[in-house]
Protein backbone atom coordinates (compact mmCIF):
# COMPACT_ATOMS: atom_id res chain seq x y z
CA MET A 1 0.00 0.00 0.00
CA THR A 2 4.57 3.14 2.07
CA PHE A 3 0.03 3.55 3.35
CA PHE A 4 2.33 6.52 4.08
CA HIS A 5 5.75 7.42 5.29
CA GLY A 6 4.85 5.70 5.50
CA MET A 7 2.27 3.88 3.88
CA ALA A 8 2.98 5.57 0.51
CA MET A 9 1.08 3.47 -2.01
CA MET A 10 2.42 2.24 -5.28
CA GLN A 11 -0.01 1.48 -8.09
CA THR A 12 0.93 -0.57 -11.12
CA SER A 13 -0.90 -0.60 -14.45
CA ASN A 14 -0.02 -3.08 -17.17
CA TYR A 15 -1.54 -3.45 -20.63
CA SER A 16 -0.86 -6.20 -23.15
CA ALA A 17 -1.84 -5.61 -26.78
CA GLU A 18 -2.63 -9.29 -27.35
CA THR A 19 -4.81 -10.01 -24.33
CA LYS A 20 -5.84 -6.47 -23.48
CA VAL A 21 -5.38 -7.08 -19.75
CA LEU A 22 -4.95 -4.28 -17.27
CA ASN A 23 -3.58 -5.17 -13.83
CA ILE A 24 -3.98 -2.57 -11.12
CA SER A 25 -2.32 -3.20 -7.80
CA LYS A 26 -2.28 -0.88 -4.82
CA SER A 27 -3.68 2.55 -4.50
CA TYR A 28 -3.71 5.77 -2.64
CA GLN A 29 -6.60 6.49 -0.34
CA ASP A 30 -8.34 9.33 1.46
CA ASN A 31 -11.56 10.30 3.17
CA LEU A 32 -13.89 12.69 1.34
CA LEU A 33 -16.10 15.35 2.91
CA ASN A 34 -18.78 12.76 3.66
CA GLU A 35 -17.55 11.45 6.99
CA ASP A 36 -19.97 8.52 6.82
CA MET A 37 -17.93 6.86 4.07
CA ASN A 38 -14.27 5.99 3.68
CA LEU A 39 -12.88 5.75 0.17
CA LYS A 40 -10.02 4.13 -1.69
CA HIS A 41 -9.06 5.23 -5.20
CA PHE A 42 -7.30 3.28 -7.95
CA GLU A 43 -5.91 5.03 -11.02
CA VAL A 44 -5.41 3.40 -14.39
CA ASN A 45 -4.61 4.56 -17.92
CA ILE A 46 -6.75 2.91 -20.60
CA PRO A 47 -5.48 2.60 -24.22
CA GLU A 48 -8.95 2.90 -25.75
CA ASP A 49 -12.59 3.57 -24.85
CA GLY A 50 -14.56 0.46 -24.01
CA TYR A 51 -16.18 -1.91 -21.55
CA TYR A 52 -13.82 -3.92 -19.36
CA TYR A 53 -14.40 -6.92 -17.14
CA ALA A 54 -13.38 -6.04 -13.58
CA GLU A 55 -12.43 -8.34 -10.72
CA PHE A 56 -11.55 -7.15 -7.20
CA TRP A 57 -9.30 -8.75 -4.57
CA LEU A 58 -10.72 -7.69 -1.23
CA LEU A 59 -11.39 -8.53 2.42
CA PRO A 60 -14.89 -7.93 3.85
CA ALA A 61 -15.83 -7.79 7.51
CA GLN A 62 -18.79 -9.76 8.85
CA TYR A 63 -21.38 -8.00 10.99
CA SER A 64 -23.33 -9.38 13.94
CA ASP A 65 -26.43 -9.93 11.75
CA GLY A 66 -24.43 -12.26 9.46
CA SER A 67 -24.09 -9.80 6.56
CA PHE A 68 -20.78 -8.62 5.12
CA THR A 69 -19.20 -5.29 4.13
CA LYS A 70 -21.04 -3.62 1.25
CA PHE A 71 -18.63 -2.08 -1.25
CA SER A 72 -19.91 0.75 -3.49
CA ILE A 73 -18.02 1.08 -6.79
CA TYR A 74 -17.60 4.28 -8.84
CA ALA A 75 -15.80 4.91 -12.13
CA ASN A 76 -14.82 8.54 -12.72
CA ASP A 77 -17.34 9.64 -10.05
CA VAL A 78 -20.19 7.69 -11.71
CA PHE A 79 -21.84 5.01 -9.55
CA ILE A 80 -21.41 1.55 -11.14
CA GLY A 81 -22.83 -0.89 -8.61
CA HIS A 82 -22.21 -2.79 -5.40
CA ILE A 83 -20.06 -5.71 -4.34
CA ILE A 84 -21.87 -7.67 -1.62
CA PRO A 85 -19.83 -10.73 -0.55
CA ASN A 86 -21.51 -13.74 1.03
CA LYS A 87 -18.40 -15.01 2.80
CA GLY A 88 -15.41 -13.66 4.69
CA ASN A 89 -11.61 -13.71 4.24
CA TRP A 90 -9.62 -12.55 1.20
CA GLN A 91 -11.36 -13.33 -2.08
CA SER A 92 -11.66 -12.36 -5.75
CA ILE A 93 -15.12 -11.06 -6.62
CA ARG A 94 -16.94 -8.94 -9.20
CA ILE A 95 -19.55 -6.21 -9.09
CA ASN A 96 -23.01 -7.65 -8.50
CA ASP A 97 -25.07 -7.84 -11.74
CA ARG A 98 -22.40 -5.93 -13.67
CA GLU A 99 -19.17 -7.67 -14.61
CA ARG A 100 -18.07 -4.96 -17.04
CA ILE A 101 -17.51 -1.27 -16.45
CA GLU A 102 -17.19 1.49 -19.03
CA LEU A 103 -13.86 3.33 -19.05
CA LYS A 104 -12.57 6.10 -21.26
CA LYS A 105 -9.30 6.34 -23.10
CA GLY A 106 -6.57 7.78 -20.90
CA HIS A 107 -6.77 8.52 -17.21
CA ASN A 108 -9.52 6.88 -15.09
CA ILE A 109 -10.25 6.69 -11.35
CA ILE A 110 -12.03 3.70 -9.84
CA THR A 111 -13.31 4.45 -6.34
CA ILE A 112 -14.45 2.00 -3.68
CA ALA A 113 -16.53 3.31 -0.76
CA VAL A 114 -17.54 1.58 2.49
CA PRO A 115 -19.30 2.90 5.59
CA ALA A 116 -16.95 4.37 8.21
CA PRO A 117 -15.10 3.44 10.35
CA GLU A 118 -13.97 0.70 7.94
CA VAL A 119 -11.42 1.66 5.31
CA PRO A 120 -11.89 -0.40 2.11
CA SER A 121 -9.71 -3.51 2.27
CA VAL A 122 -9.22 -3.74 -1.49
CA GLU A 123 -5.73 -4.76 -2.50
CA LYS A 124 -5.98 -4.93 -6.29
CA ILE A 125 -8.29 -4.73 -9.30
CA LYS A 126 -7.79 -6.59 -12.55
CA LEU A 127 -9.35 -5.24 -15.75
CA ALA A 128 -9.51 -7.12 -19.06
CA SER A 129 -11.40 -7.15 -22.32
CA THR A 130 -12.31 -10.84 -21.85
CA ASP A 131 -14.04 -12.63 -19.00
CA GLU A 132 -11.33 -15.25 -18.51
CA GLU A 133 -8.41 -12.83 -18.51
CA ALA A 134 -9.97 -10.77 -15.72
CA ASN A 135 -9.74 -13.63 -13.21
CA ILE A 136 -7.52 -13.04 -10.16
CA SER A 137 -5.83 -16.21 -8.94
CA ALA A 138 -6.26 -17.05 -5.26
CA SER A 139 -3.77 -19.93 -5.38
CA ALA A 140 -0.88 -18.14 -3.63
CA TYR A 141 -3.11 -16.96 -0.80
CA GLN A 142 -4.81 -20.35 -0.48
CA LYS A 143 -1.45 -22.12 -0.15
CA PHE A 144 -0.33 -19.60 2.45
CA TYR A 145 -3.65 -19.90 4.30
CA ASP A 146 -3.47 -23.72 4.37
CA GLU A 147 0.00 -23.52 5.90
CA ALA A 148 -1.24 -21.02 8.51
CA VAL A 149 -4.11 -23.36 9.46
CA SER A 150 -1.51 -26.12 9.90
CA CYS A 151 0.67 -23.77 12.04
CA VAL A 152 3.70 -24.23 9.79
CA SER A 153 7.01 -22.85 11.11
CA TYR A 154 9.66 -21.06 9.07
CA ASP A 155 13.22 -19.85 9.66
CA VAL A 156 13.98 -16.25 10.58
CA PRO A 157 17.74 -15.66 10.21
CA ASP A 158 19.94 -14.73 13.11
CA GLU A 159 21.41 -11.26 13.19
CA LEU A 160 23.97 -10.72 10.42
CA PHE A 161 26.35 -7.85 11.12
CA ASP A 162 27.97 -6.24 8.11
CA PHE A 163 31.63 -6.00 9.16
CA TYR A 164 32.56 -4.12 6.00
CA SER A 165 30.25 -1.28 6.99
CA ALA A 166 31.35 -1.64 10.61
CA ASN A 167 34.95 -0.87 9.70
CA ILE A 168 33.88 2.27 7.83
CA TYR A 169 31.73 3.40 10.74
CA GLN A 170 34.59 2.87 13.17
CA GLU A 171 36.77 5.28 11.22
CA ASN A 172 34.01 7.91 11.10
CA GLN A 173 33.17 8.15 14.78
CA THR A 174 34.93 8.63 18.06
CA SER A 175 32.58 6.70 20.36
CA ASN A 176 32.09 2.96 20.61
CA ILE A 177 30.54 1.38 17.52
CA GLN A 178 27.83 -0.34 19.56
CA GLU A 179 26.28 3.05 20.35
CA PHE A 180 25.03 3.23 16.78
CA ALA A 181 23.58 -0.28 16.81
CA VAL A 182 24.11 -0.75 13.08
CA LYS A 183 22.52 -4.05 12.08
CA HIS A 184 22.15 -5.84 8.77
CA PHE A 185 19.60 -8.64 8.32
CA ALA A 186 19.59 -10.64 5.09
CA ASP A 187 16.94 -13.01 3.72
CA VAL A 188 14.28 -11.91 6.19
CA PRO A 189 10.98 -13.74 5.52
CA LEU A 190 8.44 -11.21 4.28
CA LYS A 191 5.01 -12.70 4.94
CA TYR A 192 1.48 -11.36 5.14
CA THR A 193 -0.16 -11.15 8.55
CA PHE A 194 -3.64 -9.74 9.12
CA TYR A 195 -3.96 -5.96 9.42
CA ASP A 196 -6.70 -3.46 8.69
CA LEU A 197 -7.38 0.29 8.87
CA PHE A 198 -10.20 2.10 10.69
CA THR A 199 -11.10 5.76 11.25
CA PHE A 200 -12.02 6.32 14.88
CA HIS A 201 -13.30 9.45 16.67
CA GLU A 202 -11.95 11.14 19.78
CA ASN A 203 -13.23 9.55 23.03
CA GLU A 204 -14.72 6.61 21.12
CA THR A 205 -14.26 3.29 22.94
CA ILE A 206 -13.33 0.23 20.92
CA GLU A 207 -13.07 -3.38 22.06
CA ILE A 208 -10.92 -6.05 20.45
CA GLN A 209 -11.53 -9.73 21.14
CA THR A 210 -9.69 -12.67 19.60
CA SER A 211 -9.46 -16.44 19.87
CA SER A 212 -6.86 -18.79 18.39
CA LEU A 213 -5.08 -22.08 18.91
CA SER A 214 -1.83 -20.06 18.69
CA GLU A 215 -0.38 -17.52 21.09
CA HIS A 216 -0.68 -14.12 19.47
CA ASP A 217 -0.61 -10.35 20.02
CA VAL A 218 -2.43 -7.36 18.55
CA ASP A 219 -0.93 -3.94 17.76
CA ILE A 220 -3.02 -0.76 17.55
CA LEU A 221 -1.25 2.28 16.04
CA PHE A 222 -2.27 5.88 15.36
CA LEU A 223 -1.26 6.75 11.79
CA GLY A 224 -2.55 10.29 11.21
CA GLU A 225 -5.51 12.36 10.09
CA MET A 226 -7.12 11.96 6.68
CA ASN A 227 -7.27 14.62 4.00
CA ASN A 228 -10.63 15.48 2.40
CA SER A 229 -9.40 15.78 -1.18
CA ILE A 230 -8.43 13.39 -3.94
CA ILE A 231 -4.72 13.44 -4.70
CA ARG A 232 -3.78 13.03 -8.36
CA PRO A 233 -0.56 11.01 -8.53
CA ARG A 234 2.34 11.66 -10.84
CA TYR A 235 3.84 9.04 -13.11
CA ILE A 236 7.20 7.94 -14.45
CA SER A 237 7.87 5.08 -16.83
CA LYS A 238 9.44 1.94 -15.45
CA GLN A 239 11.72 1.89 -18.48
CA ASP A 240 13.25 5.18 -17.38
CA SER A 241 15.82 5.13 -14.61
CA LEU A 242 14.62 7.10 -11.61
CA LYS A 243 18.11 8.37 -10.94
CA ASN A 244 18.88 9.35 -14.53
CA ASN A 245 15.51 11.01 -15.12
CA ILE A 246 14.98 13.02 -11.96
CA THR A 247 12.94 15.66 -13.79
CA ASN A 248 10.22 13.06 -14.54
CA ILE A 249 9.29 13.19 -10.87
CA ILE A 250 8.11 16.75 -11.26
CA GLY A 251 5.81 16.15 -14.22
CA ARG A 252 3.59 13.44 -15.63
CA ILE A 253 3.88 11.28 -18.70
CA ASN A 254 0.77 11.95 -20.75
CA PRO A 255 -1.14 8.68 -21.24
CA GLU A 256 -2.15 9.95 -24.70
CA ASN A 257 1.47 9.36 -25.75
CA PHE A 258 1.21 5.61 -25.16
CA THR A 259 0.46 3.68 -28.33
CA SER A 260 -0.41 0.02 -28.79
CA HIS A 261 3.19 -1.00 -29.42
CA ASN A 262 4.72 0.64 -26.34
CA TYR A 263 1.86 0.70 -23.86
CA ASN A 264 2.90 -2.53 -22.18
CA CYS A 265 5.55 -0.74 -20.14
CA GLU A 266 4.55 -0.48 -16.50
CA VAL A 267 3.59 2.84 -14.94
CA TYR A 268 4.28 3.68 -11.32
CA GLU A 269 2.65 6.10 -8.96
CA VAL A 270 5.34 8.06 -7.15
CA GLN A 271 2.99 10.14 -5.03
CA ASP A 272 3.44 9.42 -1.34
CA LEU A 273 0.25 8.69 0.55
CA THR A 274 1.65 11.04 3.17
CA GLU A 275 0.23 13.85 1.07
CA SER A 276 -3.25 12.33 1.37
CA PHE A 277 -3.14 13.06 5.11
CA ASN A 278 -3.88 16.41 6.67
CA ARG A 279 -1.29 15.41 9.23
CA VAL A 280 0.80 12.27 9.61
CA ALA A 281 1.52 10.98 13.10
CA THR A 282 4.67 12.50 14.54
CA SER A 283 7.48 10.40 15.95
CA GLU A 284 6.29 11.25 19.46
CA GLU A 285 2.73 10.17 18.62
CA GLN A 286 3.91 6.91 17.10
CA GLN A 287 5.75 6.16 20.32
CA GLY A 288 2.84 7.22 22.54
CA LEU A 289 -0.44 6.56 20.72
CA ASN A 290 -0.09 2.82 20.42
CA TRP A 291 -1.40 -0.14 22.34
CA LYS A 292 -0.66 -3.85 22.54
CA GLY A 293 -2.98 -6.70 23.44
CA ILE A 294 -1.48 -9.97 24.69
CA SER A 295 -3.26 -13.31 24.37
CA ARG A 296 -3.75 -15.52 27.41
CA LYS A 297 -4.82 -19.13 27.61
CA SER A 298 -8.57 -19.50 28.12
CA LYS A 299 -10.20 -21.58 30.83
CA ASP A 300 -10.60 -24.54 28.49
CA ASN A 301 -6.79 -24.62 28.07
CA LEU A 302 -7.30 -25.08 24.33
CA THR A 303 -7.41 -21.56 22.96
CA TYR A 304 -5.65 -18.25 23.48
CA ARG A 305 -7.73 -15.10 23.75
CA ILE A 306 -7.30 -11.33 23.84
CA PHE A 307 -9.69 -8.82 25.32
CA LYS A 308 -8.48 -5.27 24.82
CA ARG A 309 -10.45 -2.07 25.40
CA VAL A 310 -9.09 1.28 24.20
CA ARG A 311 -10.54 4.75 24.56
CA ILE A 312 -9.44 6.63 21.46
CA PRO A 313 -7.68 9.85 22.54
CA GLN A 314 -7.40 11.43 19.10
CA LYS A 315 -9.49 11.33 15.92
CA GLY A 316 -7.75 9.74 12.97
CA VAL A 317 -6.70 6.59 11.16
CA TYR A 318 -5.64 3.55 13.18
CA LEU A 319 -3.86 0.41 12.04
CA ILE A 320 -4.79 -2.85 13.75
CA ARG A 321 -2.31 -5.70 13.18
CA LEU A 322 -2.47 -9.30 14.43
CA ARG A 323 0.76 -11.26 14.80
CA HIS A 324 1.92 -14.60 16.13
CA ARG A 325 3.64 -14.46 19.52
CA GLU A 326 6.67 -16.39 18.23
CA SER A 327 8.88 -15.28 15.36
CA GLY A 328 8.87 -17.83 12.54
CA LYS A 329 5.44 -19.25 13.38
CA THR A 330 2.11 -19.17 11.57
CA GLY A 331 -1.49 -19.65 12.67
CA THR A 332 -5.03 -18.32 12.27
CA VAL A 333 -7.15 -16.07 14.50
CA ASN A 334 -10.81 -15.12 14.90
CA LEU A 335 -11.03 -11.35 15.47
CA ALA A 336 -13.88 -9.04 16.53
CA ILE A 337 -13.49 -5.24 16.58
CA GLY A 338 -16.42 -3.49 18.22
CA ASN A 339 -17.56 0.07 18.86
CA LEU A 340 -20.81 1.53 20.14
CA HIS A 341 -22.68 0.77 16.89
CA THR A 342 -21.24 -2.31 15.19
CA THR A 343 -18.96 -5.31 15.59
CA TYR A 344 -16.62 -6.16 12.72
CA MET A 345 -15.63 -9.83 12.63
CA TYR A 346 -12.86 -11.57 10.70
CA ASN A 347 -12.72 -15.35 11.02
CA ASP A 348 -9.70 -17.60 10.44
CA VAL A 349 -7.40 -14.83 9.26
CA PRO A 350 -3.72 -15.85 8.92
CA ILE A 351 -1.04 -14.54 11.26
CA THR A 352 2.75 -14.66 11.13
CA PHE A 353 5.66 -12.86 12.78
CA SER A 354 9.15 -12.15 11.36
CA TRP A 355 11.06 -10.47 14.19
CA MET A 356 14.75 -9.73 14.69
CA PRO A 357 16.38 -8.36 17.88
CA CYS A 358 17.77 -4.87 17.36
CA GLU A 359 18.70 -2.23 19.94
CA ILE A 360 18.66 1.35 18.67
CA PRO A 361 19.74 3.79 21.40
CA ALA A 362 17.55 6.52 22.89
CA ASN A 363 20.26 9.18 23.06
CA GLY A 364 18.63 12.19 21.39
CA LYS A 365 19.92 11.30 17.91
CA GLU A 366 17.86 10.28 14.90
CA TYR A 367 18.44 6.81 13.48
CA SER A 368 17.28 5.35 10.19
CA THR A 369 15.99 1.87 9.38
CA MET A 370 15.19 0.70 5.86
CA THR A 371 14.31 -2.36 3.81
CA PHE A 372 15.51 -3.67 0.45
CA CYS A 373 12.97 -5.73 -1.50
CA ASN A 374 14.03 -8.98 -3.14
CA ASN A 375 11.51 -8.29 -5.89
CA SER A 376 10.39 -4.66 -6.14
CA GLU A 377 7.76 -5.65 -8.73
CA LYS A 378 5.60 -7.48 -6.19
CA ASP A 379 7.09 -7.03 -2.68
CA ASN A 380 6.04 -4.23 -0.36
CA PRO A 381 7.44 -4.48 3.18
CA MET A 382 5.75 -2.81 6.12
CA LEU A 383 8.29 -1.97 8.81
CA PHE A 384 7.64 -1.98 12.57
CA ILE A 385 10.06 -0.88 15.31
CA HIS A 386 9.46 -2.51 18.70
CA GLY A 387 10.16 -0.73 21.99
CA ALA A 388 11.85 -2.33 24.98
CA VAL A 389 8.83 -1.63 27.20
CA ALA A 390 6.39 -4.55 26.74
CA ASP A 391 7.53 -4.94 23.13
CA ARG A 392 5.15 -2.22 21.92
CA ILE A 393 5.38 -0.67 18.46
CA VAL A 394 7.26 2.64 18.66
CA GLY A 395 7.79 3.24 14.94
CA PHE A 396 6.04 2.34 11.71
CA ALA A 397 6.71 2.98 8.04
CA ASP A 398 5.75 1.75 4.64
CA ASP A 399 7.06 3.31 1.41
CA ALA A 400 10.10 5.57 1.73
CA PRO A 401 10.02 9.34 1.10
CA GLU A 402 11.05 10.32 -2.39
CA ILE A 403 14.40 11.86 -1.49
CA MET A 404 15.43 8.88 0.64
CA ARG A 405 14.68 6.53 -2.24
CA LEU A 406 17.13 8.53 -4.32
CA ILE A 407 19.81 8.80 -1.66
CA HIS A 408 19.72 5.15 -0.61
CA GLU A 409 18.74 3.65 -3.97
CA LEU A 410 15.53 2.18 -2.58
CA SER A 411 12.66 0.94 -4.70
CA THR A 412 9.26 2.63 -4.63
CA SER A 413 8.06 -0.21 -2.38
CA ASP A 414 10.86 -0.17 0.20
CA SER A 415 10.20 1.12 3.71
CA TYR A 416 12.22 3.81 5.47
CA ILE A 417 11.85 5.36 8.92
CA GLN A 418 14.02 7.99 10.62
CA GLN A 419 13.29 9.15 14.16
CA GLN A 420 14.51 9.70 17.69
CA TYR A 421 13.53 7.10 20.27
CA LYS A 422 12.37 7.82 23.79
CA VAL A 423 13.28 4.30 24.89
CA LYS A 424 15.87 1.93 23.55
CA THR A 425 14.30 -0.34 20.98
CA SER A 426 14.18 -4.11 21.35
CA GLY A 427 13.59 -5.37 17.82
CA ILE A 428 12.25 -5.00 14.30
CA SER A 429 9.48 -6.86 12.53
CA VAL A 430 8.30 -6.80 8.93
CA CYS A 431 5.20 -8.03 7.19
CA ASN A 432 4.07 -8.04 3.58
CA TYR A 433 1.42 -5.58 2.42
CA SER A 434 0.20 -8.10 -0.14
CA SER A 435 -2.15 -10.94 0.70
CA SER A 436 -2.48 -12.08 -2.93
CA GLN A 437 1.32 -12.57 -3.09
CA PRO A 438 1.85 -13.23 0.61
CA GLU A 439 5.39 -14.67 0.76
CA SER A 440 8.79 -13.26 -0.16
CA LYS A 441 12.02 -12.04 1.47
CA CYS A 442 13.79 -8.73 2.05
CA GLU A 443 16.89 -7.21 3.62
CA ILE A 444 16.94 -4.73 6.51
CA LEU A 445 19.54 -2.19 7.54
CA ALA A 446 18.86 -0.63 10.94
CA GLY A 447 20.23 1.84 13.46
CA ILE A 448 21.98 4.17 11.02
CA ASP A 449 23.09 7.56 12.29
CA GLU A 450 22.83 9.48 9.02
CA THR A 451 24.82 12.44 10.32
CA ILE A 452 28.02 10.39 9.95
CA LEU A 453 27.19 9.09 6.47
CA GLU A 454 28.69 12.07 4.69
CA PRO A 455 30.11 12.32 2.19
CA ASP A 456 28.75 9.12 0.61
CA PRO A 457 25.66 7.47 2.11
CA GLY A 458 25.78 4.84 -0.61
CA LEU A 459 28.53 3.09 1.34
CA PHE A 460 26.13 2.33 4.15
CA THR A 461 23.01 1.30 2.28
CA LYS A 462 22.51 -1.95 0.40
CA PRO A 463 25.51 -4.22 1.04
CA LYS A 464 27.98 -4.25 -1.83
CA SER A 465 28.14 -7.38 -3.98
CA ASN A 466 31.93 -7.03 -4.12
CA GLN A 467 33.15 -6.75 -0.55
CA SER A 468 36.82 -6.91 -1.56
CA GLU A 469 36.87 -3.32 -2.81
CA ASN A 470 40.03 -1.54 -1.71
CA MET A 471 39.59 1.28 0.82
CA ASN A 472 42.02 3.49 -1.13
CA ASP A 473 39.75 3.24 -4.17
CA LEU A 474 36.82 4.16 -1.95
CA ASP A 475 38.65 7.23 -0.70
CA LYS A 476 39.25 8.34 -4.30
CA GLU A 477 35.54 7.93 -5.08
CA LEU A 478 34.55 9.95 -2.04
CA ASN A 479 36.73 12.85 -3.08
CA THR A 480 35.24 13.28 -6.56
CA ILE A 481 32.28 15.41 -5.35
CA LYS A 482 32.62 18.57 -3.24
CA ILE A 483 29.75 20.58 -1.70
CA SER A 484 30.67 23.94 -0.20
CA GLY A 485 28.89 27.12 0.85
CA SER A 486 25.54 27.56 2.59
CA LEU A 487 21.83 27.95 1.88
CA GLU A 488 21.52 31.44 3.36
CA GLN A 489 19.63 34.00 1.26
CA CYS A 490 22.71 35.93 0.15
CA SER A 491 25.06 32.97 -0.08
CA ILE A 492 26.11 30.65 -2.89
CA LEU A 493 26.16 26.86 -2.68
CA THR A 494 28.91 25.50 -4.94
CA ILE A 495 29.00 21.89 -6.11
CA THR A 496 32.00 20.58 -8.04
CA SER A 497 32.97 17.14 -9.28
CA LEU A 498 35.70 15.47 -11.29
CA ASP A 499 32.85 13.87 -13.24
CA ASN A 500 29.85 15.29 -15.05
CA ILE A 501 27.04 16.32 -12.67
CA ASN A 502 23.68 14.91 -13.75
CA ASN A 503 21.31 16.19 -11.07
CA VAL A 504 21.20 18.14 -7.82
CA ILE A 505 18.21 17.74 -5.51
CA ILE A 506 17.57 19.84 -2.41
CA SER A 507 14.98 18.54 0.06
CA ASP A 508 13.93 19.19 3.62
CA ILE A 509 14.75 16.66 6.32
CA ASP A 510 11.35 14.97 5.85
CA GLY A 511 12.13 14.17 2.22
CA LYS A 512 10.02 16.85 0.52
CA ILE A 513 11.86 18.09 -2.57
CA ILE A 514 12.48 21.86 -2.58
CA LYS A 515 14.36 22.20 -5.86
CA THR A 516 15.68 19.96 -8.65
CA ILE A 517 18.48 21.21 -10.88
CA LYS A 518 19.63 19.48 -14.06
CA GLY A 519 23.40 19.36 -14.32
CA ASN A 520 25.53 20.09 -17.37
CA GLY A 521 29.20 20.06 -16.59
CA SER A 522 31.39 19.57 -13.54
CA GLU A 523 30.23 22.60 -11.49
CA ILE A 524 26.90 24.03 -10.36
CA LYS A 525 26.33 27.22 -8.37
CA ILE A 526 23.04 27.68 -6.52
CA PHE A 527 22.10 31.11 -5.14
CA GLY A 528 20.46 30.89 -1.73
CA ASP A 529 17.66 33.34 -2.52
CA SER A 530 16.59 31.22 -5.52
CA LEU A 531 15.40 28.47 -3.16
CA ASN A 532 12.74 30.64 -1.47
CA LEU A 533 13.17 28.76 1.80
CA LYS A 534 10.31 29.62 4.16
CA LYS A 535 11.53 27.98 7.36
CA THR A 536 14.76 27.27 9.19
CA GLY A 537 16.07 23.77 9.74
CA ILE A 538 18.20 21.04 8.21
CA PHE A 539 18.10 20.48 4.45
CA VAL A 540 19.63 17.68 2.36
CA VAL A 541 21.67 18.36 -0.79
CA TYR A 542 21.87 15.26 -3.00
CA VAL A 543 24.27 15.19 -5.96
CA GLU A 544 24.43 12.59 -8.71
CA THR A 545 27.25 12.31 -11.23
CA ASP A 546 28.05 9.89 -14.04
CA LYS A 547 30.03 7.71 -11.63
CA GLY A 548 28.47 8.11 -8.20
CA SER A 549 26.37 10.12 -5.81
CA THR A 550 26.63 11.82 -2.44
CA SER A 551 24.55 13.94 -0.08
CA LYS A 552 25.17 16.49 2.63
CA LYS A 553 22.99 17.93 5.38
CA ILE A 554 23.14 21.74 5.61
CA LEU A 555 21.64 23.95 8.31
CA PHE A 556 19.56 26.96 7.19
CA GLU A 557 19.02 29.53 9.95
């Protein structure tokens, strides 16, 4: 879904001239002015006007009267029909009495609405010109579900410390290396575990009850406050390199330019879902507005149960995640989420838990943690930081901010979180956004103090495939790019390199891009007053050349 900085959502559209199939996966979401409904929007570019078969992969809740979530479907703000499931759990399903929907050539928005406080649990839509091609396979989920029912175990690797990076860190700091808690985890199982989103009101009381044959826990996290407007995402072509075509981020490729012979390139949404929130939860809120429910064995000694009651202190969006108590274990859970009006039930939903011990210090510094997908085409890790006190969640992230993707060479689906911690952390867990493709692997790098990464953060991101690289050669590479000067209004920032400079990007510390400058030569001068900086703080200057890249944090007062 990065949901935002977190859960930023990537959407993929794919068209084949032979089969005329359009696959849409993931979306961005928001809440419109009507507070009685929560919406999720999918965007797709259509090569020609026509009627398309549509199939949805979704998860309904069951109500106390036995009925299920009623999904209302719109295409370009025109009501199409309803989806009314007659069973629970993840499933592929079509619009009742209308398998085909009319779409226009070019840009289209498909909207799914459900009554609040539910947020539509719709993971993907598949569009095709034929009935058969529109089918969404449930085989991967069914296999995963069968294993969860059987409580299958899997291996979570022990901690793998990257000694190559450790040596570099040791030369760039004066204190003990353990203070920075740099950890590298490879081949981490990335598996789906049940989670859902709800919009709750201030002072509303919710109750969570579960039962399972497996020991399990529940996490409840405040994510932020919804925006009331639809965000139109920007696009870049997959066939373009993000790093070599930085200017594409600013604009949009016109879908009218796609013809039948080149339309089968994939298109990515690079709009962070963060911008669909009026306000995203701060680091302090993530560490304070969260709760954990712990299962205990019931009186029959056969099942484990949770009863958790929470009085919501702040209106907004909340993530509820179920997980197995033990890392490397699977199982299933029956869940009921109740408020004053309704109870939302989910029966036999799968749970997993991929957890690694990791201590990040609470010393007033900001530390970064990030993932690296094994397959950026289908993987989408959701990253959770656990606190030492009762193993609560004290940090959450989905897709990385735009600037951090560039600096650390992350994919649009990788997670990234940077924050100060009030308490020393105890571990990290990841789960897969996707239920339709529920199993994969990823890498994690954690506990990075980015203030000591200058001048080349690339040395400390994804582990190098050739670890035998000579340190003298590294020193030469580091010295090819120089950043001098300041960002003050009457000052000049000078960037020089032994190689041709391709791009310079200036962003704030949260990853929002302030200015992008196309390079042409080995030197660029940037006048401070041309940036129109409105606030003081730390800004990041990222430089890319033909042979490498670097970044530097600069204070603007």
